[in-house]
Amino acid sequence: MFDEKVLQCFLDHQMQLYPEPVAENPKEAEEFLEECMAVVVNSVKEVWEFFEEEGIDTEGASQEEILEAEEVFAVGDGRYLIVEG
């Protein structure tokens, strides 16, 4: 479900969401992301839709604010990993 680029993104940036590392290698990262039911979406619009479906208040939020949420990780290829802390 999570490709190498997504796993590396999480490993590189996990401290934006957690006070200490939760995974040290891609296998641990994949297990962690599966356990917490993280999702990968293909666009900013899909990030927005995910937040709305989850009942997260996005009213009045800008695109920048949504993408700066600590649970949103920009993979770097237009996709976003969303990890619910």
PDB file of N, CA and C in Angstrom:
ATOM      1  N   MET A   1       0.825  -1.199   0.000  1.00  0.00           N
ATOM      2  CA  MET A   1       0.000   0.000   0.000  1.00  0.00           C
ATOM      3  C   MET A   1       0.873   1.268   0.000  1.00  0.00           C
ATOM      4  N   PHE A   2       1.949   1.256   0.756  1.00  0.00           N
ATOM      5  CA  PHE A   2       2.827   2.426   0.838  1.00  0.00           C
ATOM      6  C   PHE A   2       4.106   2.124   0.067  1.00  0.00           C
ATOM      7  N   ASP A   3       4.385   2.942  -0.948  1.00  0.00           N
ATOM      8  CA  ASP A   3       5.585   2.703  -1.733  1.00  0.00           C
ATOM      9  C   ASP A   3       6.808   3.304  -1.037  1.00  0.00           C
ATOM     10  N   GLU A   4       7.962   3.056  -1.619  1.00  0.00           N
ATOM     11  CA  GLU A   4       9.236   3.475  -1.030  1.00  0.00           C
ATOM     12  C   GLU A   4       9.296   4.987  -0.787  1.00  0.00           C
ATOM     13  N   LYS A   5       8.790   5.762  -1.723  1.00  0.00           N
ATOM     14  CA  LYS A   5       8.844   7.221  -1.601  1.00  0.00           C
ATOM     15  C   LYS A   5       7.992   7.708  -0.418  1.00  0.00           C
ATOM     16  N   VAL A   6       6.821   7.112  -0.240  1.00  0.00           N
ATOM     17  CA  VAL A   6       5.942   7.470   0.881  1.00  0.00           C
ATOM     18  C   VAL A   6       6.595   7.089   2.204  1.00  0.00           C
ATOM     19  N   LEU A   7       7.145   5.894   2.272  1.00  0.00           N
ATOM     20  CA  LEU A   7       7.786   5.441   3.510  1.00  0.00           C
ATOM     21  C   LEU A   7       8.976   6.325   3.869  1.00  0.00           C
ATOM     22  N   GLN A   8       9.774   6.696   2.885  1.00  0.00           N
ATOM     23  CA  GLN A   8      10.929   7.557   3.152  1.00  0.00           C
ATOM     24  C   GLN A   8      10.482   8.945   3.603  1.00  0.00           C
ATOM     25  N   CYS A   9       9.435   9.451   2.999  1.00  0.00           N
ATOM     26  CA  CYS A   9       8.885  10.745   3.408  1.00  0.00           C
ATOM     27  C   CYS A   9       8.492  10.705   4.883  1.00  0.00           C
ATOM     28  N   PHE A  10       7.802   9.639   5.281  1.00  0.00           N
ATOM     29  CA  PHE A  10       7.398   9.524   6.674  1.00  0.00           C
ATOM     30  C   PHE A  10       8.614   9.415   7.594  1.00  0.00           C
ATOM     31  N   LEU A  11       9.565   8.587   7.224  1.00  0.00           N
ATOM     32  CA  LEU A  11      10.765   8.438   8.053  1.00  0.00           C
ATOM     33  C   LEU A  11      11.498   9.770   8.208  1.00  0.00           C
ATOM     34  N   ASP A  12      11.591  10.523   7.138  1.00  0.00           N
ATOM     35  CA  ASP A  12      12.316  11.800   7.165  1.00  0.00           C
ATOM     36  C   ASP A  12      11.602  12.870   7.972  1.00  0.00           C
ATOM     37  N   HIS A  13      10.271  12.806   8.052  1.00  0.00           N
ATOM     38  CA  HIS A  13       9.506  13.908   8.638  1.00  0.00           C
ATOM     39  C   HIS A  13       8.608  13.510   9.805  1.00  0.00           C
ATOM     40  N   GLN A  14       8.765  12.312  10.334  1.00  0.00           N
ATOM     41  CA  GLN A  14       7.878  11.840  11.394  1.00  0.00           C
ATOM     42  C   GLN A  14       7.890  12.727  12.639  1.00  0.00           C
ATOM     43  N   MET A  15       8.975  13.447  12.855  1.00  0.00           N
ATOM     44  CA  MET A  15       9.067  14.302  14.042  1.00  0.00           C
ATOM     45  C   MET A  15       8.151  15.525  13.971  1.00  0.00           C
ATOM     46  N   GLN A  16       7.562  15.806  12.808  1.00  0.00           N
ATOM     47  CA  GLN A  16       6.601  16.910  12.734  1.00  0.00           C
ATOM     48  C   GLN A  16       5.309  16.536  13.447  1.00  0.00           C
ATOM     49  N   LEU A  17       5.075  15.240  13.652  1.00  0.00           N
ATOM     50  CA  LEU A  17       3.841  14.785  14.275  1.00  0.00           C
ATOM     51  C   LEU A  17       4.076  14.152  15.643  1.00  0.00           C
ATOM     52  N   TYR A  18       5.219  13.554  15.824  1.00  0.00           N
ATOM     53  CA  TYR A  18       5.519  12.838  17.067  1.00  0.00           C
ATOM     54  C   TYR A  18       6.767  13.408  17.728  1.00  0.00           C
ATOM     55  N   PRO A  19       6.811  13.405  19.081  1.00  0.00           N
ATOM     56  CA  PRO A  19       7.953  13.989  19.781  1.00  0.00           C
ATOM     57  C   PRO A  19       9.237  13.167  19.667  1.00  0.00           C
ATOM     58  N   GLU A  20       9.099  11.892  19.328  1.00  0.00           N
ATOM     59  CA  GLU A  20      10.267  11.050  19.116  1.00  0.00           C
ATOM     60  C   GLU A  20       9.958  10.070  17.994  1.00  0.00           C
ATOM     61  N   PRO A  21      10.984   9.517  17.363  1.00  0.00           N
ATOM     62  CA  PRO A  21      10.749   8.618  16.225  1.00  0.00           C
ATOM     63  C   PRO A  21       9.880   7.414  16.606  1.00  0.00           C
ATOM     64  N   VAL A  22       8.975   7.061  15.703  1.00  0.00           N
ATOM     65  CA  VAL A  22       8.135   5.883  15.901  1.00  0.00           C
ATOM     66  C   VAL A  22       8.565   4.742  14.977  1.00  0.00           C
ATOM     67  N   ALA A  23       9.448   5.038  14.033  1.00  0.00           N
ATOM     68  CA  ALA A  23       9.950   4.029  13.107  1.00  0.00           C
ATOM     69  C   ALA A  23      11.391   4.372  12.737  1.00  0.00           C
ATOM     70  N   GLU A  24      12.197   3.332  12.577  1.00  0.00           N
ATOM     71  CA  GLU A  24      13.601   3.545  12.241  1.00  0.00           C
ATOM     72  C   GLU A  24      13.979   3.061  10.850  1.00  0.00           C
ATOM     73  N   ASN A  25      13.091   2.304  10.209  1.00  0.00           N
ATOM     74  CA  ASN A  25      13.380   1.790   8.876  1.00  0.00           C
ATOM     75  C   ASN A  25      12.065   1.655   8.101  1.00  0.00           C
ATOM     76  N   PRO A  26      12.148   1.413   6.801  1.00  0.00           N
ATOM     77  CA  PRO A  26      10.921   1.340   5.994  1.00  0.00           C
ATOM     78  C   PRO A  26       9.928   0.279   6.465  1.00  0.00           C
ATOM     79  N   LYS A  27      10.405  -0.866   6.922  1.00  0.00           N
ATOM     80  CA  LYS A  27       9.497  -1.921   7.393  1.00  0.00           C
ATOM     81  C   LYS A  27       8.707  -1.448   8.612  1.00  0.00           C
ATOM     82  N   GLU A  28       9.402  -0.842   9.565  1.00  0.00           N
ATOM     83  CA  GLU A  28       8.724  -0.314  10.752  1.00  0.00           C
ATOM     84  C   GLU A  28       7.767   0.808  10.374  1.00  0.00           C
ATOM     85  N   ALA A  29       8.172   1.654   9.431  1.00  0.00           N
ATOM     86  CA  ALA A  29       7.314   2.749   8.992  1.00  0.00           C
ATOM     87  C   ALA A  29       6.037   2.199   8.374  1.00  0.00           C
ATOM     88  N   GLU A  30       6.180   1.188   7.526  1.00  0.00           N
ATOM     89  CA  GLU A  30       5.004   0.608   6.879  1.00  0.00           C
ATOM     90  C   GLU A  30       4.065  -0.009   7.915  1.00  0.00           C
ATOM     91  N   GLU A  31       4.613  -0.741   8.855  1.00  0.00           N
ATOM     92  CA  GLU A  31       3.787  -1.345   9.905  1.00  0.00           C
ATOM     93  C   GLU A  31       3.064  -0.276  10.712  1.00  0.00           C
ATOM     94  N   PHE A  32       3.774   0.783  11.049  1.00  0.00           N
ATOM     95  CA  PHE A  32       3.169   1.861  11.828  1.00  0.00           C
ATOM     96  C   PHE A  32       2.045   2.540  11.043  1.00  0.00           C
ATOM     97  N   LEU A  33       2.310   2.861   9.787  1.00  0.00           N
ATOM     98  CA  LEU A  33       1.310   3.550   8.965  1.00  0.00           C
ATOM     99  C   LEU A  33       0.082   2.679   8.741  1.00  0.00           C
ATOM    100  N   GLU A  34       0.272   1.387   8.559  1.00  0.00           N
ATOM    101  CA  GLU A  34      -0.864   0.481   8.408  1.00  0.00           C
ATOM    102  C   GLU A  34      -1.674   0.429   9.691  1.00  0.00           C
ATOM    103  N   GLU A  35      -0.986   0.369  10.825  1.00  0.00           N
ATOM    104  CA  GLU A  35      -1.651   0.285  12.122  1.00  0.00           C
ATOM    105  C   GLU A  35      -2.511   1.515  12.410  1.00  0.00           C
ATOM    106  N   CYS A  36      -2.015   2.679  12.050  1.00  0.00           N
ATOM    107  CA  CYS A  36      -2.775   3.900  12.333  1.00  0.00           C
ATOM    108  C   CYS A  36      -3.658   4.311  11.145  1.00  0.00           C
ATOM    109  N   MET A  37      -3.767   3.431  10.168  1.00  0.00           N
ATOM    110  CA  MET A  37      -4.660   3.615   9.020  1.00  0.00           C
ATOM    111  C   MET A  37      -4.388   4.924   8.276  1.00  0.00           C
ATOM    112  N   ALA A  38      -3.122   5.195   8.039  1.00  0.00           N
ATOM    113  CA  ALA A  38      -2.722   6.365   7.258  1.00  0.00           C
ATOM    114  C   ALA A  38      -3.196   6.181   5.817  1.00  0.00           C
ATOM    115  N   VAL A  39      -3.364   7.291   5.121  1.00  0.00           N
ATOM    116  CA  VAL A  39      -3.797   7.242   3.727  1.00  0.00           C
ATOM    117  C   VAL A  39      -2.886   8.114   2.870  1.00  0.00           C
ATOM    118  N   VAL A  40      -2.809   7.753   1.596  1.00  0.00           N
ATOM    119  CA  VAL A  40      -2.092   8.555   0.617  1.00  0.00           C
ATOM    120  C   VAL A  40      -3.119   9.073  -0.363  1.00  0.00           C
ATOM    121  N   VAL A  41      -3.103  10.390  -0.583  1.00  0.00           N
ATOM    122  CA  VAL A  41      -4.021  11.002  -1.547  1.00  0.00           C
ATOM    123  C   VAL A  41      -3.200  11.664  -2.647  1.00  0.00           C
ATOM    124  N   ASN A  42      -3.865  11.916  -3.770  1.00  0.00           N
ATOM    125  CA  ASN A  42      -3.159  12.363  -4.966  1.00  0.00           C
ATOM    126  C   ASN A  42      -3.169  13.861  -5.224  1.00  0.00           C
ATOM    127  N   SER A  43      -3.819  14.643  -4.360  1.00  0.00           N
ATOM    128  CA  SER A  43      -3.888  16.080  -4.614  1.00  0.00           C
ATOM    129  C   SER A  43      -4.289  16.830  -3.355  1.00  0.00           C
ATOM    130  N   VAL A  44      -4.118  18.142  -3.408  1.00  0.00           N
ATOM    131  CA  VAL A  44      -4.555  19.007  -2.314  1.00  0.00           C
ATOM    132  C   VAL A  44      -6.068  18.874  -2.143  1.00  0.00           C
ATOM    133  N   LYS A  45      -6.788  18.800  -3.244  1.00  0.00           N
ATOM    134  CA  LYS A  45      -8.242  18.648  -3.180  1.00  0.00           C
ATOM    135  C   LYS A  45      -8.629  17.397  -2.392  1.00  0.00           C
ATOM    136  N   GLU A  46      -7.895  16.315  -2.599  1.00  0.00           N
ATOM    137  CA  GLU A  46      -8.195  15.083  -1.881  1.00  0.00           C
ATOM    138  C   GLU A  46      -7.834  15.188  -0.395  1.00  0.00           C
ATOM    139  N   VAL A  47      -6.813  15.980  -0.057  1.00  0.00           N
ATOM    140  CA  VAL A  47      -6.510  16.235   1.354  1.00  0.00           C
ATOM    141  C   VAL A  47      -7.707  16.934   1.983  1.00  0.00           C
ATOM    142  N   TRP A  48      -8.195  17.954   1.304  1.00  0.00           N
ATOM    143  CA  TRP A  48      -9.339  18.724   1.781  1.00  0.00           C
ATOM    144  C   TRP A  48     -10.549  17.808   1.970  1.00  0.00           C
ATOM    145  N   GLU A  49     -10.831  16.970   0.969  1.00  0.00           N
ATOM    146  CA  GLU A  49     -11.970  16.048   1.036  1.00  0.00           C
ATOM    147  C   GLU A  49     -11.817  15.073   2.194  1.00  0.00           C
ATOM    148  N   PHE A  50     -10.604  14.579   2.421  1.00  0.00           N
ATOM    149  CA  PHE A  50     -10.361  13.659   3.528  1.00  0.00           C
ATOM    150  C   PHE A  50     -10.687  14.341   4.854  1.00  0.00           C
ATOM    151  N   PHE A  51     -10.196  15.554   5.040  1.00  0.00           N
ATOM    152  CA  PHE A  51     -10.465  16.281   6.284  1.00  0.00           C
ATOM    153  C   PHE A  51     -11.965  16.465   6.483  1.00  0.00           C
ATOM    154  N   GLU A  52     -12.668  16.843   5.434  1.00  0.00           N
ATOM    155  CA  GLU A  52     -14.112  17.047   5.547  1.00  0.00           C
ATOM    156  C   GLU A  52     -14.827  15.742   5.884  1.00  0.00           C
ATOM    157  N   GLU A  53     -14.435  14.636   5.238  1.00  0.00           N
ATOM    158  CA  GLU A  53     -15.047  13.333   5.522  1.00  0.00           C
ATOM    159  C   GLU A  53     -14.798  12.893   6.961  1.00  0.00           C
ATOM    160  N   GLU A  54     -13.663  13.267   7.502  1.00  0.00           N
ATOM    161  CA  GLU A  54     -13.313  12.895   8.873  1.00  0.00           C
ATOM    162  C   GLU A  54     -13.925  13.854   9.904  1.00  0.00           C
ATOM    163  N   GLY A  55     -14.621  14.869   9.436  1.00  0.00           N
ATOM    164  CA  GLY A  55     -15.260  15.814  10.335  1.00  0.00           C
ATOM    165  C   GLY A  55     -14.325  16.858  10.910  1.00  0.00           C
ATOM    166  N   ILE A  56     -13.181  17.050  10.266  1.00  0.00           N
ATOM    167  CA  ILE A  56     -12.228  18.061  10.716  1.00  0.00           C
ATOM    168  C   ILE A  56     -12.671  19.403  10.142  1.00  0.00           C
ATOM    169  N   ASP A  57     -12.794  20.387  10.997  1.00  0.00           N
ATOM    170  CA  ASP A  57     -13.290  21.701  10.586  1.00  0.00           C
ATOM    171  C   ASP A  57     -12.282  22.383   9.661  1.00  0.00           C
ATOM    172  N   THR A  58     -12.686  22.610   8.428  1.00  0.00           N
ATOM    173  CA  THR A  58     -11.827  23.292   7.462  1.00  0.00           C
ATOM    174  C   THR A  58     -12.396  24.646   7.067  1.00  0.00           C
ATOM    175  N   GLU A  59     -13.510  25.028   7.661  1.00  0.00           N
ATOM    176  CA  GLU A  59     -14.150  26.291   7.298  1.00  0.00           C
ATOM    177  C   GLU A  59     -13.212  27.458   7.570  1.00  0.00           C
ATOM    178  N   GLY A  60     -13.007  28.260   6.562  1.00  0.00           N
ATOM    179  CA  GLY A  60     -12.155  29.430   6.676  1.00  0.00           C
ATOM    180  C   GLY A  60     -10.669  29.132   6.545  1.00  0.00           C
ATOM    181  N   ALA A  61     -10.311  27.857   6.433  1.00  0.00           N
ATOM    182  CA  ALA A  61      -8.897  27.494   6.316  1.00  0.00           C
ATOM    183  C   ALA A  61      -8.425  27.692   4.871  1.00  0.00           C
ATOM    184  N   SER A  62      -7.206  28.133   4.740  1.00  0.00           N
ATOM    185  CA  SER A  62      -6.628  28.270   3.408  1.00  0.00           C
ATOM    186  C   SER A  62      -5.965  26.954   3.011  1.00  0.00           C
ATOM    187  N   GLN A  63      -5.632  26.847   1.745  1.00  0.00           N
ATOM    188  CA  GLN A  63      -4.930  25.664   1.255  1.00  0.00           C
ATOM    189  C   GLN A  63      -3.612  25.499   1.996  1.00  0.00           C
ATOM    190  N   GLU A  64      -2.895  26.587   2.209  1.00  0.00           N
ATOM    191  CA  GLU A  64      -1.623  26.532   2.932  1.00  0.00           C
ATOM    192  C   GLU A  64      -1.803  25.996   4.341  1.00  0.00           C
ATOM    193  N   GLU A  65      -2.862  26.445   5.023  1.00  0.00           N
ATOM    194  CA  GLU A  65      -3.110  25.985   6.390  1.00  0.00           C
ATOM    195  C   GLU A  65      -3.407  24.489   6.424  1.00  0.00           C
ATOM    196  N   ILE A  66      -4.156  24.005   5.452  1.00  0.00           N
ATOM    197  CA  ILE A  66      -4.467  22.579   5.385  1.00  0.00           C
ATOM    198  C   ILE A  66      -3.176  21.781   5.180  1.00  0.00           C
ATOM    199  N   LEU A  67      -2.338  22.246   4.275  1.00  0.00           N
ATOM    200  CA  LEU A  67      -1.108  21.515   3.977  1.00  0.00           C
ATOM    201  C   LEU A  67      -0.064  21.637   5.087  1.00  0.00           C
ATOM    202  N   GLU A  68      -0.205  22.622   5.960  1.00  0.00           N
ATOM    203  CA  GLU A  68       0.715  22.788   7.076  1.00  0.00           C
ATOM    204  C   GLU A  68       0.271  22.011   8.307  1.00  0.00           C
ATOM    205  N   ALA A  69      -0.880  21.351   8.231  1.00  0.00           N
ATOM    206  CA  ALA A  69      -1.345  20.549   9.364  1.00  0.00           C
ATOM    207  C   ALA A  69      -0.291  19.489   9.671  1.00  0.00           C
ATOM    208  N   GLU A  70      -0.037  19.257  10.949  1.00  0.00           N
ATOM    209  CA  GLU A  70       1.054  18.352  11.325  1.00  0.00           C
ATOM    210  C   GLU A  70       0.848  16.929  10.836  1.00  0.00           C
ATOM    211  N   GLU A  71      -0.388  16.542  10.548  1.00  0.00           N
ATOM    212  CA  GLU A  71      -0.634  15.177  10.089  1.00  0.00           C
ATOM    213  C   GLU A  71      -0.537  15.006   8.573  1.00  0.00           C
ATOM    214  N   VAL A  72      -0.232  16.082   7.862  1.00  0.00           N
ATOM    215  CA  VAL A  72      -0.116  16.036   6.403  1.00  0.00           C
ATOM    216  C   VAL A  72       1.357  16.104   6.004  1.00  0.00           C
ATOM    217  N   PHE A  73       1.790  15.107   5.249  1.00  0.00           N
ATOM    218  CA  PHE A  73       3.178  15.018   4.791  1.00  0.00           C
ATOM    219  C   PHE A  73       3.183  15.103   3.269  1.00  0.00           C
ATOM    220  N   ALA A  74       3.864  16.090   2.714  1.00  0.00           N
ATOM    221  CA  ALA A  74       4.001  16.203   1.261  1.00  0.00           C
ATOM    222  C   ALA A  74       5.043  15.191   0.806  1.00  0.00           C
ATOM    223  N   VAL A  75       4.632  14.246  -0.027  1.00  0.00           N
ATOM    224  CA  VAL A  75       5.532  13.189  -0.493  1.00  0.00           C
ATOM    225  C   VAL A  75       6.565  13.759  -1.460  1.00  0.00           C
ATOM    226  N   GLY A  76       6.193  14.798  -2.190  1.00  0.00           N
ATOM    227  CA  GLY A  76       7.130  15.441  -3.096  1.00  0.00           C
ATOM    228  C   GLY A  76       6.839  15.206  -4.559  1.00  0.00           C
ATOM    229  N   ASP A  77       5.844  14.386  -4.833  1.00  0.00           N
ATOM    230  CA  ASP A  77       5.483  14.104  -6.220  1.00  0.00           C
ATOM    231  C   ASP A  77       4.024  14.440  -6.493  1.00  0.00           C
ATOM    232  N   GLY A  78       3.477  15.355  -5.680  1.00  0.00           N
ATOM    233  CA  GLY A  78       2.072  15.746  -5.828  1.00  0.00           C
ATOM    234  C   GLY A  78       1.140  14.977  -4.912  1.00  0.00           C
ATOM    235  N   ARG A  79       1.660  13.923  -4.282  1.00  0.00           N
ATOM    236  CA  ARG A  79       0.839  13.140  -3.352  1.00  0.00           C
ATOM    237  C   ARG A  79       1.077  13.613  -1.927  1.00  0.00           C
ATOM    238  N   TYR A  80       0.132  13.255  -1.066  1.00  0.00           N
ATOM    239  CA  TYR A  80       0.227  13.610   0.343  1.00  0.00           C
ATOM    240  C   TYR A  80      -0.102  12.392   1.188  1.00  0.00           C
ATOM    241  N   LEU A  81       0.682  12.206   2.233  1.00  0.00           N
ATOM    242  CA  LEU A  81       0.435  11.176   3.225  1.00  0.00           C
ATOM    243  C   LEU A  81      -0.268  11.840   4.388  1.00  0.00           C
ATOM    244  N   ILE A  82      -1.381  11.257   4.816  1.00  0.00           N
ATOM    245  CA  ILE A  82      -2.115  11.794   5.958  1.00  0.00           C
ATOM    246  C   ILE A  82      -2.066  10.747   7.064  1.00  0.00           C
ATOM    247  N   VAL A  83      -1.501  11.143   8.201  1.00  0.00           N
ATOM    248  CA  VAL A  83      -1.340  10.246   9.334  1.00  0.00           C
ATOM    249  C   VAL A  83      -2.118  10.831  10.507  1.00  0.00           C
ATOM    250  N   GLU A  84      -3.118  10.115  10.941  1.00  0.00           N
ATOM    251  CA  GLU A  84      -3.889  10.607  12.072  1.00  0.00           C
ATOM    252  C   GLU A  84      -3.149  10.265  13.355  1.00  0.00           C
ATOM    253  N   GLY A  85      -2.737  11.304  14.084  1.00  0.00           N
ATOM    254  CA  GLY A  85      -1.969  11.128  15.304  1.00  0.00           C
ATOM    255  C   GLY A  85      -2.823  10.646  16.366  1.00  0.00           C
TER     256      GLY A  85
END
